[in-house]
Amino acid sequence: MNKFAVAVLLSVIFAGPAFAASVKNDEASAQTLVVTEGSSKTELQVGAGETVEFCNSGCFVTFPNGDREALTGGETVEIKGGKVSIK
């Protein structure tokens, strides 16, 4: 599972999308998001204090608290205090 998360993270980093969404984890522990793009569903682990880009061209994201949101690819998501905010 950890190798898969690292592979997903590396592919996101090296893809270099122009209009990707980003998530910043301000929690003390890693958070896992479920990202659905088309028919592909992946788990994205975001370590404590990390910011990760994802969702190049629209996706649905299920957050650790169970909330689900549609993203277009340019949003900034912040996880802090057990809550998710999207800007």
PDB file of N, CA and C in Angstrom:
ATOM      1  N   MET A   1       0.827  -1.190   0.000  1.00  0.00           N
ATOM      2  CA  MET A   1       0.000   0.000   0.000  1.00  0.00           C
ATOM      3  C   MET A   1       0.868   1.250   0.000  1.00  0.00           C
ATOM      4  N   ASN A   2       1.916   1.279   0.829  1.00  0.00           N
ATOM      5  CA  ASN A   2       2.783   2.453   0.875  1.00  0.00           C
ATOM      6  C   ASN A   2       3.507   2.668  -0.446  1.00  0.00           C
ATOM      7  N   LYS A   3       3.916   1.577  -1.110  1.00  0.00           N
ATOM      8  CA  LYS A   3       4.574   1.704  -2.405  1.00  0.00           C
ATOM      9  C   LYS A   3       3.614   2.307  -3.422  1.00  0.00           C
ATOM     10  N   PHE A   4       2.346   1.898  -3.360  1.00  0.00           N
ATOM     11  CA  PHE A   4       1.337   2.439  -4.262  1.00  0.00           C
ATOM     12  C   PHE A   4       1.153   3.935  -4.029  1.00  0.00           C
ATOM     13  N   ALA A   5       1.067   4.347  -2.773  1.00  0.00           N
ATOM     14  CA  ALA A   5       0.889   5.767  -2.450  1.00  0.00           C
ATOM     15  C   ALA A   5       2.087   6.580  -2.933  1.00  0.00           C
ATOM     16  N   VAL A   6       3.287   6.042  -2.774  1.00  0.00           N
ATOM     17  CA  VAL A   6       4.489   6.730  -3.237  1.00  0.00           C
ATOM     18  C   VAL A   6       4.467   6.835  -4.759  1.00  0.00           C
ATOM     19  N   ALA A   7       4.058   5.768  -5.438  1.00  0.00           N
ATOM     20  CA  ALA A   7       3.985   5.790  -6.900  1.00  0.00           C
ATOM     21  C   ALA A   7       2.988   6.837  -7.384  1.00  0.00           C
ATOM     22  N   VAL A   8       1.842   6.906  -6.722  1.00  0.00           N
ATOM     23  CA  VAL A   8       0.842   7.916  -7.090  1.00  0.00           C
ATOM     24  C   VAL A   8       1.401   9.311  -6.854  1.00  0.00           C
ATOM     25  N   LEU A   9       2.028   9.515  -5.714  1.00  0.00           N
ATOM     26  CA  LEU A   9       2.594  10.819  -5.384  1.00  0.00           C
ATOM     27  C   LEU A   9       3.659  11.225  -6.402  1.00  0.00           C
ATOM     28  N   LEU A  10       4.552  10.315  -6.752  1.00  0.00           N
ATOM     29  CA  LEU A  10       5.598  10.632  -7.716  1.00  0.00           C
ATOM     30  C   LEU A  10       5.024  10.936  -9.088  1.00  0.00           C
ATOM     31  N   SER A  11       4.002  10.195  -9.500  1.00  0.00           N
ATOM     32  CA  SER A  11       3.402  10.465 -10.804  1.00  0.00           C
ATOM     33  C   SER A  11       2.732  11.827 -10.821  1.00  0.00           C
ATOM     34  N   VAL A  12       2.144  12.226  -9.705  1.00  0.00           N
ATOM     35  CA  VAL A  12       1.522  13.550  -9.613  1.00  0.00           C
ATOM     36  C   VAL A  12       2.587  14.636  -9.671  1.00  0.00           C
ATOM     37  N   ILE A  13       3.680  14.441  -8.967  1.00  0.00           N
ATOM     38  CA  ILE A  13       4.747  15.443  -8.930  1.00  0.00           C
ATOM     39  C   ILE A  13       5.384  15.613 -10.305  1.00  0.00           C
ATOM     40  N   PHE A  14       5.691  14.520 -10.990  1.00  0.00           N
ATOM     41  CA  PHE A  14       6.385  14.604 -12.261  1.00  0.00           C
ATOM     42  C   PHE A  14       5.475  14.946 -13.423  1.00  0.00           C
ATOM     43  N   ALA A  15       4.181  14.850 -13.252  1.00  0.00           N
ATOM     44  CA  ALA A  15       3.259  15.203 -14.323  1.00  0.00           C
ATOM     45  C   ALA A  15       3.280  16.707 -14.571  1.00  0.00           C
ATOM     46  N   GLY A  16       3.461  17.497 -13.514  1.00  0.00           N
ATOM     47  CA  GLY A  16       3.576  18.939 -13.655  1.00  0.00           C
ATOM     48  C   GLY A  16       2.365  19.616 -14.267  1.00  0.00           C
ATOM     49  N   PRO A  17       1.177  19.323 -13.778  1.00  0.00           N
ATOM     50  CA  PRO A  17      -0.016  19.896 -14.390  1.00  0.00           C
ATOM     51  C   PRO A  17      -0.093  21.407 -14.182  1.00  0.00           C
ATOM     52  N   ALA A  18      -0.695  22.096 -15.152  1.00  0.00           N
ATOM     53  CA  ALA A  18      -0.815  23.545 -15.070  1.00  0.00           C
ATOM     54  C   ALA A  18      -1.969  23.971 -14.172  1.00  0.00           C
ATOM     55  N   PHE A  19      -3.035  23.192 -14.143  1.00  0.00           N
ATOM     56  CA  PHE A  19      -4.223  23.582 -13.395  1.00  0.00           C
ATOM     57  C   PHE A  19      -4.661  22.482 -12.448  1.00  0.00           C
ATOM     58  N   ALA A  20      -3.756  21.966 -11.690  1.00  0.00           N
ATOM     59  CA  ALA A  20      -4.084  20.907 -10.741  1.00  0.00           C
ATOM     60  C   ALA A  20      -4.597  21.511  -9.445  1.00  0.00           C
ATOM     61  N   ALA A  21      -5.450  20.767  -8.782  1.00  0.00           N
ATOM     62  CA  ALA A  21      -5.857  21.141  -7.430  1.00  0.00           C
ATOM     63  C   ALA A  21      -4.701  20.787  -6.495  1.00  0.00           C
ATOM     64  N   SER A  22      -4.667  21.416  -5.335  1.00  0.00           N
ATOM     65  CA  SER A  22      -3.652  21.061  -4.349  1.00  0.00           C
ATOM     66  C   SER A  22      -4.324  20.876  -3.004  1.00  0.00           C
ATOM     67  N   VAL A  23      -3.733  20.008  -2.194  1.00  0.00           N
ATOM     68  CA  VAL A  23      -4.241  19.779  -0.842  1.00  0.00           C
ATOM     69  C   VAL A  23      -3.095  19.994   0.135  1.00  0.00           C
ATOM     70  N   LYS A  24      -3.370  20.766   1.179  1.00  0.00           N
ATOM     71  CA  LYS A  24      -2.396  21.020   2.242  1.00  0.00           C
ATOM     72  C   LYS A  24      -2.924  20.384   3.513  1.00  0.00           C
ATOM     73  N   ASN A  25      -2.106  19.522   4.115  1.00  0.00           N
ATOM     74  CA  ASN A  25      -2.490  18.824   5.337  1.00  0.00           C
ATOM     75  C   ASN A  25      -1.841  19.511   6.534  1.00  0.00           C
ATOM     76  N   ASP A  26      -2.641  20.255   7.291  1.00  0.00           N
ATOM     77  CA  ASP A  26      -2.138  20.916   8.497  1.00  0.00           C
ATOM     78  C   ASP A  26      -2.412  20.105   9.759  1.00  0.00           C
ATOM     79  N   GLU A  27      -2.746  18.837   9.599  1.00  0.00           N
ATOM     80  CA  GLU A  27      -2.975  17.946  10.734  1.00  0.00           C
ATOM     81  C   GLU A  27      -1.636  17.387  11.216  1.00  0.00           C
ATOM     82  N   ALA A  28      -1.639  16.774  12.398  1.00  0.00           N
ATOM     83  CA  ALA A  28      -0.425  16.188  12.973  1.00  0.00           C
ATOM     84  C   ALA A  28      -0.129  14.796  12.419  1.00  0.00           C
ATOM     85  N   SER A  29      -1.080  14.208  11.681  1.00  0.00           N
ATOM     86  CA  SER A  29      -0.881  12.871  11.117  1.00  0.00           C
ATOM     87  C   SER A  29      -1.270  12.867   9.643  1.00  0.00           C
ATOM     88  N   ALA A  30      -0.823  11.829   8.934  1.00  0.00           N
ATOM     89  CA  ALA A  30      -1.139  11.690   7.513  1.00  0.00           C
ATOM     90  C   ALA A  30      -2.644  11.536   7.316  1.00  0.00           C
ATOM     91  N   GLN A  31      -3.133  12.053   6.202  1.00  0.00           N
ATOM     92  CA  GLN A  31      -4.545  11.956   5.848  1.00  0.00           C
ATOM     93  C   GLN A  31      -4.651  11.257   4.501  1.00  0.00           C
ATOM     94  N   THR A  32      -5.696  10.454   4.323  1.00  0.00           N
ATOM     95  CA  THR A  32      -5.905   9.739   3.074  1.00  0.00           C
ATOM     96  C   THR A  32      -7.153  10.261   2.391  1.00  0.00           C
ATOM     97  N   LEU A  33      -7.000  10.643   1.123  1.00  0.00           N
ATOM     98  CA  LEU A  33      -8.113  11.085   0.295  1.00  0.00           C
ATOM     99  C   LEU A  33      -8.382  10.015  -0.748  1.00  0.00           C
ATOM    100  N   VAL A  34      -9.638   9.824  -1.113  1.00  0.00           N
ATOM    101  CA  VAL A  34      -9.983   8.935  -2.215  1.00  0.00           C
ATOM    102  C   VAL A  34     -10.315   9.829  -3.400  1.00  0.00           C
ATOM    103  N   VAL A  35      -9.527   9.711  -4.470  1.00  0.00           N
ATOM    104  CA  VAL A  35      -9.675  10.560  -5.649  1.00  0.00           C
ATOM    105  C   VAL A  35     -10.223   9.710  -6.785  1.00  0.00           C
ATOM    106  N   THR A  36     -11.339  10.162  -7.379  1.00  0.00           N
ATOM    107  CA  THR A  36     -11.961   9.461  -8.500  1.00  0.00           C
ATOM    108  C   THR A  36     -11.907  10.363  -9.725  1.00  0.00           C
ATOM    109  N   GLU A  37     -11.151   9.918 -10.733  1.00  0.00           N
ATOM    110  CA  GLU A  37     -11.060  10.624 -12.010  1.00  0.00           C
ATOM    111  C   GLU A  37     -11.558   9.672 -13.079  1.00  0.00           C
ATOM    112  N   GLY A  38     -12.710   9.992 -13.680  1.00  0.00           N
ATOM    113  CA  GLY A  38     -13.323   9.088 -14.642  1.00  0.00           C
ATOM    114  C   GLY A  38     -13.702   7.800 -13.937  1.00  0.00           C
ATOM    115  N   SER A  39     -13.211   6.677 -14.433  1.00  0.00           N
ATOM    116  CA  SER A  39     -13.499   5.388 -13.803  1.00  0.00           C
ATOM    117  C   SER A  39     -12.356   4.920 -12.906  1.00  0.00           C
ATOM    118  N   SER A  40     -11.337   5.760 -12.736  1.00  0.00           N
ATOM    119  CA  SER A  40     -10.167   5.408 -11.928  1.00  0.00           C
ATOM    120  C   SER A  40     -10.297   5.974 -10.519  1.00  0.00           C
ATOM    121  N   LYS A  41     -10.173   5.106  -9.522  1.00  0.00           N
ATOM    122  CA  LYS A  41     -10.246   5.514  -8.120  1.00  0.00           C
ATOM    123  C   LYS A  41      -8.921   5.170  -7.450  1.00  0.00           C
ATOM    124  N   THR A  42      -8.292   6.171  -6.802  1.00  0.00           N
ATOM    125  CA  THR A  42      -7.023   5.949  -6.114  1.00  0.00           C
ATOM    126  C   THR A  42      -7.047   6.594  -4.733  1.00  0.00           C
ATOM    127  N   GLU A  43      -6.243   6.046  -3.843  1.00  0.00           N
ATOM    128  CA  GLU A  43      -6.070   6.627  -2.515  1.00  0.00           C
ATOM    129  C   GLU A  43      -4.808   7.479  -2.536  1.00  0.00           C
ATOM    130  N   LEU A  44      -4.931   8.698  -2.078  1.00  0.00           N
ATOM    131  CA  LEU A  44      -3.812   9.629  -2.044  1.00  0.00           C
ATOM    132  C   LEU A  44      -3.500   9.953  -0.594  1.00  0.00           C
ATOM    133  N   GLN A  45      -2.313   9.549  -0.140  1.00  0.00           N
ATOM    134  CA  GLN A  45      -1.899   9.852   1.229  1.00  0.00           C
ATOM    135  C   GLN A  45      -1.133  11.165   1.237  1.00  0.00           C
ATOM    136  N   VAL A  46      -1.532  12.049   2.155  1.00  0.00           N
ATOM    137  CA  VAL A  46      -0.876  13.343   2.306  1.00  0.00           C
ATOM    138  C   VAL A  46      -0.313  13.390   3.719  1.00  0.00           C
ATOM    139  N   GLY A  47       1.006  13.420   3.818  1.00  0.00           N
ATOM    140  CA  GLY A  47       1.660  13.411   5.121  1.00  0.00           C
ATOM    141  C   GLY A  47       1.416  14.693   5.903  1.00  0.00           C
ATOM    142  N   ALA A  48       1.665  14.636   7.193  1.00  0.00           N
ATOM    143  CA  ALA A  48       1.510  15.807   8.063  1.00  0.00           C
ATOM    144  C   ALA A  48       2.379  16.948   7.545  1.00  0.00           C
ATOM    145  N   GLY A  49       1.774  18.114   7.344  1.00  0.00           N
ATOM    146  CA  GLY A  49       2.503  19.278   6.877  1.00  0.00           C
ATOM    147  C   GLY A  49       2.786  19.321   5.388  1.00  0.00           C
ATOM    148  N   GLU A  50       2.390  18.314   4.637  1.00  0.00           N
ATOM    149  CA  GLU A  50       2.668  18.253   3.205  1.00  0.00           C
ATOM    150  C   GLU A  50       1.608  18.974   2.387  1.00  0.00           C
ATOM    151  N   THR A  51       2.019  19.419   1.208  1.00  0.00           N
ATOM    152  CA  THR A  51       1.107  19.933   0.192  1.00  0.00           C
ATOM    153  C   THR A  51       1.335  19.110  -1.065  1.00  0.00           C
ATOM    154  N   VAL A  52       0.255  18.589  -1.652  1.00  0.00           N
ATOM    155  CA  VAL A  52       0.347  17.711  -2.811  1.00  0.00           C
ATOM    156  C   VAL A  52      -0.601  18.218  -3.892  1.00  0.00           C
ATOM    157  N   GLU A  53      -0.153  18.188  -5.148  1.00  0.00           N
ATOM    158  CA  GLU A  53      -1.011  18.524  -6.278  1.00  0.00           C
ATOM    159  C   GLU A  53      -1.628  17.254  -6.838  1.00  0.00           C
ATOM    160  N   PHE A  54      -2.878  17.362  -7.278  1.00  0.00           N
ATOM    161  CA  PHE A  54      -3.604  16.223  -7.844  1.00  0.00           C
ATOM    162  C   PHE A  54      -4.749  16.760  -8.680  1.00  0.00           C
ATOM    163  N   CYS A  55      -5.522  15.903  -9.302  1.00  0.00           N
ATOM    164  CA  CYS A  55      -6.766  16.271  -9.995  1.00  0.00           C
ATOM    165  C   CYS A  55      -6.498  17.255 -11.135  1.00  0.00           C
ATOM    166  N   ASN A  56      -5.888  16.761 -12.202  1.00  0.00           N
ATOM    167  CA  ASN A  56      -5.505  17.611 -13.324  1.00  0.00           C
ATOM    168  C   ASN A  56      -6.683  18.177 -14.105  1.00  0.00           C
ATOM    169  N   SER A  57      -7.712  17.382 -14.282  1.00  0.00           N
ATOM    170  CA  SER A  57      -8.793  17.816 -15.172  1.00  0.00           C
ATOM    171  C   SER A  57     -10.166  17.470 -14.616  1.00  0.00           C
ATOM    172  N   GLY A  58     -10.369  17.706 -13.361  1.00  0.00           N
ATOM    173  CA  GLY A  58     -11.658  17.428 -12.736  1.00  0.00           C
ATOM    174  C   GLY A  58     -11.687  16.061 -12.084  1.00  0.00           C
ATOM    175  N   CYS A  59     -12.262  16.006 -10.887  1.00  0.00           N
ATOM    176  CA  CYS A  59     -12.349  14.749 -10.161  1.00  0.00           C
ATOM    177  C   CYS A  59     -13.338  14.890  -9.012  1.00  0.00           C
ATOM    178  N   PHE A  60     -13.660  13.764  -8.411  1.00  0.00           N
ATOM    179  CA  PHE A  60     -14.410  13.734  -7.162  1.00  0.00           C
ATOM    180  C   PHE A  60     -13.438  13.314  -6.073  1.00  0.00           C
ATOM    181  N   VAL A  61     -13.533  13.940  -4.908  1.00  0.00           N
ATOM    182  CA  VAL A  61     -12.641  13.619  -3.797  1.00  0.00           C
ATOM    183  C   VAL A  61     -13.481  13.298  -2.576  1.00  0.00           C
ATOM    184  N   THR A  62     -13.168  12.167  -1.929  1.00  0.00           N
ATOM    185  CA  THR A  62     -13.773  11.832  -0.644  1.00  0.00           C
ATOM    186  C   THR A  62     -12.715  12.098   0.416  1.00  0.00           C
ATOM    187  N   PHE A  63     -13.047  12.992   1.351  1.00  0.00           N
ATOM    188  CA  PHE A  63     -12.112  13.417   2.384  1.00  0.00           C
ATOM    189  C   PHE A  63     -12.185  12.496   3.597  1.00  0.00           C
ATOM    190  N   PRO A  64     -11.182  12.559   4.489  1.00  0.00           N
ATOM    191  CA  PRO A  64     -11.159  11.670   5.665  1.00  0.00           C
ATOM    192  C   PRO A  64     -12.412  11.758   6.539  1.00  0.00           C
ATOM    193  N   ASN A  65     -13.086  12.901   6.545  1.00  0.00           N
ATOM    194  CA  ASN A  65     -14.295  13.039   7.365  1.00  0.00           C
ATOM    195  C   ASN A  65     -15.545  12.512   6.664  1.00  0.00           C
ATOM    196  N   GLY A  66     -15.386  11.970   5.437  1.00  0.00           N
ATOM    197  CA  GLY A  66     -16.508  11.398   4.695  1.00  0.00           C
ATOM    198  C   GLY A  66     -17.151  12.341   3.700  1.00  0.00           C
ATOM    199  N   ASP A  67     -16.819  13.632   3.754  1.00  0.00           N
ATOM    200  CA  ASP A  67     -17.363  14.585   2.793  1.00  0.00           C
ATOM    201  C   ASP A  67     -16.852  14.267   1.395  1.00  0.00           C
ATOM    202  N   ARG A  68     -17.713  14.505   0.397  1.00  0.00           N
ATOM    203  CA  ARG A  68     -17.330  14.278  -0.989  1.00  0.00           C
ATOM    204  C   ARG A  68     -17.586  15.561  -1.767  1.00  0.00           C
ATOM    205  N   GLU A  69     -16.596  15.958  -2.573  1.00  0.00           N
ATOM    206  CA  GLU A  69     -16.689  17.192  -3.350  1.00  0.00           C
ATOM    207  C   GLU A  69     -16.214  16.957  -4.776  1.00  0.00           C
ATOM    208  N   ALA A  70     -16.784  17.708  -5.699  1.00  0.00           N
ATOM    209  CA  ALA A  70     -16.322  17.719  -7.085  1.00  0.00           C
ATOM    210  C   ALA A  70     -15.339  18.872  -7.241  1.00  0.00           C
ATOM    211  N   LEU A  71     -14.186  18.588  -7.828  1.00  0.00           N
ATOM    212  CA  LEU A  71     -13.173  19.612  -8.066  1.00  0.00           C
ATOM    213  C   LEU A  71     -12.951  19.751  -9.564  1.00  0.00           C
ATOM    214  N   THR A  72     -12.636  20.961 -10.008  1.00  0.00           N
ATOM    215  CA  THR A  72     -12.378  21.193 -11.425  1.00  0.00           C
ATOM    216  C   THR A  72     -10.896  21.166 -11.758  1.00  0.00           C
ATOM    217  N   GLY A  73     -10.040  21.299 -10.748  1.00  0.00           N
ATOM    218  CA  GLY A  73      -8.609  21.208 -10.975  1.00  0.00           C
ATOM    219  C   GLY A  73      -7.821  22.436 -10.589  1.00  0.00           C
ATOM    220  N   GLY A  74      -8.442  23.514 -10.158  1.00  0.00           N
ATOM    221  CA  GLY A  74      -7.685  24.692  -9.775  1.00  0.00           C
ATOM    222  C   GLY A  74      -7.824  25.064  -8.313  1.00  0.00           C
ATOM    223  N   GLU A  75      -8.504  24.253  -7.544  1.00  0.00           N
ATOM    224  CA  GLU A  75      -8.790  24.578  -6.149  1.00  0.00           C
ATOM    225  C   GLU A  75      -7.598  24.320  -5.230  1.00  0.00           C
ATOM    226  N   THR A  76      -7.641  25.014  -4.082  1.00  0.00           N
ATOM    227  CA  THR A  76      -6.706  24.753  -2.994  1.00  0.00           C
ATOM    228  C   THR A  76      -7.518  24.203  -1.829  1.00  0.00           C
ATOM    229  N   VAL A  77      -7.167  23.007  -1.385  1.00  0.00           N
ATOM    230  CA  VAL A  77      -7.881  22.330  -0.302  1.00  0.00           C
ATOM    231  C   VAL A  77      -6.983  22.343   0.926  1.00  0.00           C
ATOM    232  N   GLU A  78      -7.553  22.663   2.083  1.00  0.00           N
ATOM    233  CA  GLU A  78      -6.791  22.663   3.330  1.00  0.00           C
ATOM    234  C   GLU A  78      -7.496  21.784   4.348  1.00  0.00           C
ATOM    235  N   ILE A  79      -6.732  20.878   4.961  1.00  0.00           N
ATOM    236  CA  ILE A  79      -7.252  20.027   6.035  1.00  0.00           C
ATOM    237  C   ILE A  79      -6.629  20.528   7.331  1.00  0.00           C
ATOM    238  N   LYS A  80      -7.484  21.017   8.233  1.00  0.00           N
ATOM    239  CA  LYS A  80      -6.982  21.601   9.475  1.00  0.00           C
ATOM    240  C   LYS A  80      -8.046  21.461  10.555  1.00  0.00           C
ATOM    241  N   GLY A  81      -7.645  20.979  11.719  1.00  0.00           N
ATOM    242  CA  GLY A  81      -8.572  20.856  12.840  1.00  0.00           C
ATOM    243  C   GLY A  81      -9.717  19.898  12.569  1.00  0.00           C
ATOM    244  N   GLY A  82      -9.465  18.882  11.745  1.00  0.00           N
ATOM    245  CA  GLY A  82     -10.508  17.910  11.425  1.00  0.00           C
ATOM    246  C   GLY A  82     -11.516  18.405  10.408  1.00  0.00           C
ATOM    247  N   LYS A  83     -11.282  19.587   9.841  1.00  0.00           N
ATOM    248  CA  LYS A  83     -12.206  20.170   8.870  1.00  0.00           C
ATOM    249  C   LYS A  83     -11.498  20.405   7.544  1.00  0.00           C
ATOM    250  N   VAL A  84     -12.304  20.404   6.479  1.00  0.00           N
ATOM    251  CA  VAL A  84     -11.791  20.630   5.136  1.00  0.00           C
ATOM    252  C   VAL A  84     -12.328  21.960   4.629  1.00  0.00           C
ATOM    253  N   SER A  85     -11.444  22.785   4.080  1.00  0.00           N
ATOM    254  CA  SER A  85     -11.894  24.012   3.420  1.00  0.00           C
ATOM    255  C   SER A  85     -11.353  24.022   1.998  1.00  0.00           C
ATOM    256  N   ILE A  86     -12.186  24.515   1.074  1.00  0.00           N
ATOM    257  CA  ILE A  86     -11.823  24.559  -0.342  1.00  0.00           C
ATOM    258  C   ILE A  86     -11.877  26.011  -0.796  1.00  0.00           C
ATOM    259  N   LYS A  87     -10.790  26.446  -1.416  1.00  0.00           N
ATOM    260  CA  LYS A  87     -10.718  27.836  -1.905  1.00  0.00           C
ATOM    261  C   LYS A  87     -10.476  27.852  -3.391  1.00  0.00           C
TER     262      LYS A  87
END
